Amino acid sequence: DKTKSNRFGLLVATSGDTGCAVLDAFARLPGTPIVVLYPNTGVSTIQKAQMQTASNDVCVLGVDADFDF
């Protein structure tokens, strides 16, 4: 049905490069909420800047944890 709209969002936990890649791929899609979590001490200054400046429509949060298991 073309009148129906599928709504989805993305929640990404990254230790660096994948967060930047997801934001590059999806940040400009209208109506797609994106939340990216990254470890405060686990990403480079450049990676952090890339994620934090990707778009005004995304939420990028540093957390006191890591995602490498």
N, C-alpha and C. Protein backbone atom coordinates (compact mmCIF):
# COMPACT_ATOMS: atom_id res chain seq x y z
N ASP A 1 0.84 -1.18 0.00
CA ASP A 1 0.00 0.00 0.00
C ASP A 1 0.89 1.24 0.00
N LYS A 2 0.74 2.07 -1.01
CA LYS A 2 1.59 3.25 -1.14
C LYS A 2 1.24 4.36 -0.15
N THR A 3 0.09 4.29 0.48
CA THR A 3 -0.28 5.31 1.45
C THR A 3 0.33 5.03 2.82
N LYS A 4 0.77 3.79 3.03
CA LYS A 4 1.41 3.44 4.30
C LYS A 4 2.87 3.85 4.27
N SER A 5 3.34 4.26 5.41
CA SER A 5 4.75 4.64 5.53
C SER A 5 5.41 3.73 6.55
N ASN A 6 6.52 3.16 6.19
CA ASN A 6 7.30 2.38 7.14
C ASN A 6 8.23 3.33 7.86
N ARG A 7 8.23 3.28 9.16
CA ARG A 7 9.11 4.15 9.94
C ARG A 7 10.09 3.27 10.70
N PHE A 8 11.33 3.62 10.60
CA PHE A 8 12.35 2.88 11.33
C PHE A 8 13.43 3.85 11.76
N GLY A 9 14.23 3.42 12.69
CA GLY A 9 15.37 4.20 13.14
C GLY A 9 16.57 3.29 13.30
N LEU A 10 17.71 3.90 13.51
CA LEU A 10 18.94 3.13 13.68
C LEU A 10 19.57 3.45 15.02
N LEU A 11 19.98 2.41 15.71
CA LEU A 11 20.77 2.54 16.93
C LEU A 11 22.08 1.81 16.66
N VAL A 12 23.18 2.54 16.72
CA VAL A 12 24.49 1.99 16.37
C VAL A 12 25.43 2.13 17.55
N ALA A 13 26.11 1.06 17.89
CA ALA A 13 27.19 1.10 18.88
C ALA A 13 28.48 0.84 18.12
N THR A 14 29.43 1.75 18.24
CA THR A 14 30.64 1.67 17.43
C THR A 14 31.89 1.88 18.26
N SER A 15 32.98 1.34 17.75
CA SER A 15 34.27 1.65 18.35
C SER A 15 35.08 2.52 17.39
N GLY A 16 34.38 3.13 16.43
CA GLY A 16 35.06 4.07 15.54
C GLY A 16 34.50 4.13 14.14
N ASP A 17 35.08 3.37 13.23
CA ASP A 17 34.79 3.52 11.81
C ASP A 17 33.35 3.23 11.41
N THR A 18 32.72 2.25 12.04
CA THR A 18 31.36 1.91 11.62
C THR A 18 30.37 3.03 11.90
N GLY A 19 30.57 3.77 12.97
CA GLY A 19 29.69 4.91 13.25
C GLY A 19 29.76 5.95 12.16
N CYS A 20 30.97 6.28 11.72
CA CYS A 20 31.16 7.24 10.63
C CYS A 20 30.53 6.73 9.34
N ALA A 21 30.68 5.44 9.07
CA ALA A 21 30.13 4.86 7.84
C ALA A 21 28.60 4.88 7.85
N VAL A 22 27.99 4.53 8.97
CA VAL A 22 26.53 4.56 9.08
C VAL A 22 26.01 5.98 8.90
N LEU A 23 26.65 6.93 9.55
CA LEU A 23 26.22 8.31 9.42
C LEU A 23 26.37 8.80 7.99
N ASP A 24 27.43 8.43 7.32
CA ASP A 24 27.62 8.83 5.93
C ASP A 24 26.53 8.25 5.05
N ALA A 25 26.12 7.03 5.33
CA ALA A 25 25.12 6.36 4.51
C ALA A 25 23.69 6.81 4.79
N PHE A 26 23.37 7.11 6.05
CA PHE A 26 21.97 7.32 6.42
C PHE A 26 21.62 8.71 6.94
N ALA A 27 22.57 9.54 7.27
CA ALA A 27 22.27 10.80 7.96
C ALA A 27 21.42 11.75 7.13
N ARG A 28 21.44 11.63 5.83
CA ARG A 28 20.68 12.56 4.99
C ARG A 28 19.31 12.01 4.58
N LEU A 29 18.93 10.86 5.10
CA LEU A 29 17.60 10.33 4.80
C LEU A 29 16.57 11.02 5.68
N PRO A 30 15.60 11.66 5.08
CA PRO A 30 14.59 12.35 5.90
C PRO A 30 13.76 11.37 6.71
N GLY A 31 13.48 11.73 7.94
CA GLY A 31 12.62 10.92 8.78
C GLY A 31 13.25 9.66 9.33
N THR A 32 14.57 9.58 9.32
CA THR A 32 15.25 8.40 9.85
C THR A 32 16.06 8.80 11.08
N PRO A 33 15.51 8.58 12.27
CA PRO A 33 16.26 8.93 13.47
C PRO A 33 17.46 7.99 13.65
N ILE A 34 18.59 8.58 14.00
CA ILE A 34 19.82 7.80 14.18
C ILE A 34 20.44 8.17 15.52
N VAL A 35 20.78 7.16 16.29
CA VAL A 35 21.51 7.34 17.54
C VAL A 35 22.79 6.52 17.43
N VAL A 36 23.93 7.16 17.65
CA VAL A 36 25.22 6.48 17.61
C VAL A 36 25.87 6.59 18.98
N LEU A 37 26.24 5.45 19.54
CA LEU A 37 26.96 5.40 20.81
C LEU A 37 28.41 5.02 20.54
N TYR A 38 29.33 5.73 21.18
CA TYR A 38 30.75 5.40 21.03
C TYR A 38 31.42 5.49 22.39
N PRO A 39 32.50 4.74 22.62
CA PRO A 39 33.19 4.81 23.91
C PRO A 39 33.98 6.12 24.02
N ASN A 40 33.84 6.79 25.15
CA ASN A 40 34.53 8.06 25.36
C ASN A 40 36.04 7.95 25.16
N THR A 41 36.62 6.84 25.56
CA THR A 41 38.07 6.71 25.47
C THR A 41 38.50 5.77 24.35
N GLY A 42 37.61 5.41 23.44
CA GLY A 42 37.97 4.41 22.46
C GLY A 42 37.99 4.86 21.01
N VAL A 43 37.73 6.12 20.74
CA VAL A 43 37.75 6.59 19.36
C VAL A 43 38.74 7.75 19.24
N SER A 44 39.24 7.94 18.03
CA SER A 44 40.19 9.03 17.82
C SER A 44 39.46 10.38 17.80
N THR A 45 40.22 11.43 17.95
CA THR A 45 39.65 12.78 17.89
C THR A 45 38.99 13.02 16.55
N ILE A 46 39.59 12.53 15.48
CA ILE A 46 39.02 12.72 14.14
C ILE A 46 37.72 11.95 14.00
N GLN A 47 37.68 10.69 14.46
CA GLN A 47 36.44 9.90 14.38
C GLN A 47 35.33 10.57 15.17
N LYS A 48 35.64 11.04 16.35
CA LYS A 48 34.64 11.72 17.18
C LYS A 48 34.10 12.96 16.46
N ALA A 49 34.98 13.76 15.89
CA ALA A 49 34.57 14.96 15.17
C ALA A 49 33.71 14.61 13.95
N GLN A 50 34.08 13.56 13.22
CA GLN A 50 33.29 13.15 12.06
C GLN A 50 31.88 12.76 12.46
N MET A 51 31.75 12.03 13.55
CA MET A 51 30.42 11.60 13.98
C MET A 51 29.61 12.77 14.53
N GLN A 52 30.23 13.63 15.31
CA GLN A 52 29.51 14.72 15.95
C GLN A 52 29.10 15.82 14.98
N THR A 53 29.71 15.89 13.82
CA THR A 53 29.38 16.94 12.86
C THR A 53 28.69 16.40 11.61
N ALA A 54 28.28 15.15 11.62
CA ALA A 54 27.70 14.52 10.43
C ALA A 54 26.39 15.17 10.01
N SER A 55 25.53 15.47 10.96
CA SER A 55 24.21 16.02 10.66
C SER A 55 23.57 16.51 11.95
N ASN A 56 22.70 17.50 11.82
CA ASN A 56 21.96 17.98 12.99
C ASN A 56 20.83 17.03 13.36
N ASP A 57 20.51 16.09 12.47
CA ASP A 57 19.38 15.19 12.69
C ASP A 57 19.75 13.89 13.38
N VAL A 58 20.97 13.78 13.88
CA VAL A 58 21.39 12.56 14.55
C VAL A 58 21.80 12.87 15.98
N CYS A 59 21.77 11.85 16.80
CA CYS A 59 22.20 11.97 18.19
C CYS A 59 23.44 11.09 18.36
N VAL A 60 24.56 11.71 18.68
CA VAL A 60 25.82 11.00 18.86
C VAL A 60 26.25 11.17 20.31
N LEU A 61 26.41 10.05 21.02
CA LEU A 61 26.68 10.09 22.45
C LEU A 61 27.91 9.27 22.82
N GLY A 62 28.81 9.87 23.57
CA GLY A 62 29.93 9.14 24.15
C GLY A 62 29.50 8.50 25.45
N VAL A 63 29.90 7.26 25.66
CA VAL A 63 29.52 6.53 26.87
C VAL A 63 30.77 5.98 27.55
N ASP A 64 30.67 5.73 28.84
CA ASP A 64 31.78 5.18 29.61
C ASP A 64 31.74 3.65 29.55
N ALA A 65 31.95 3.11 28.37
CA ALA A 65 31.96 1.67 28.13
C ALA A 65 32.64 1.43 26.80
N ASP A 66 32.86 0.15 26.47
CA ASP A 66 33.33 -0.15 25.12
C ASP A 66 32.46 -1.26 24.55
N PHE A 67 32.55 -1.47 23.26
CA PHE A 67 31.68 -2.42 22.59
C PHE A 67 32.45 -3.56 21.96
N ASP A 68 33.71 -3.74 22.35
CA ASP A 68 34.53 -4.83 21.83
C ASP A 68 34.42 -6.01 22.79
N PHE A 69 33.90 -7.12 22.30
CA PHE A 69 33.71 -8.31 23.13
C PHE A 69 34.64 -9.40 22.69
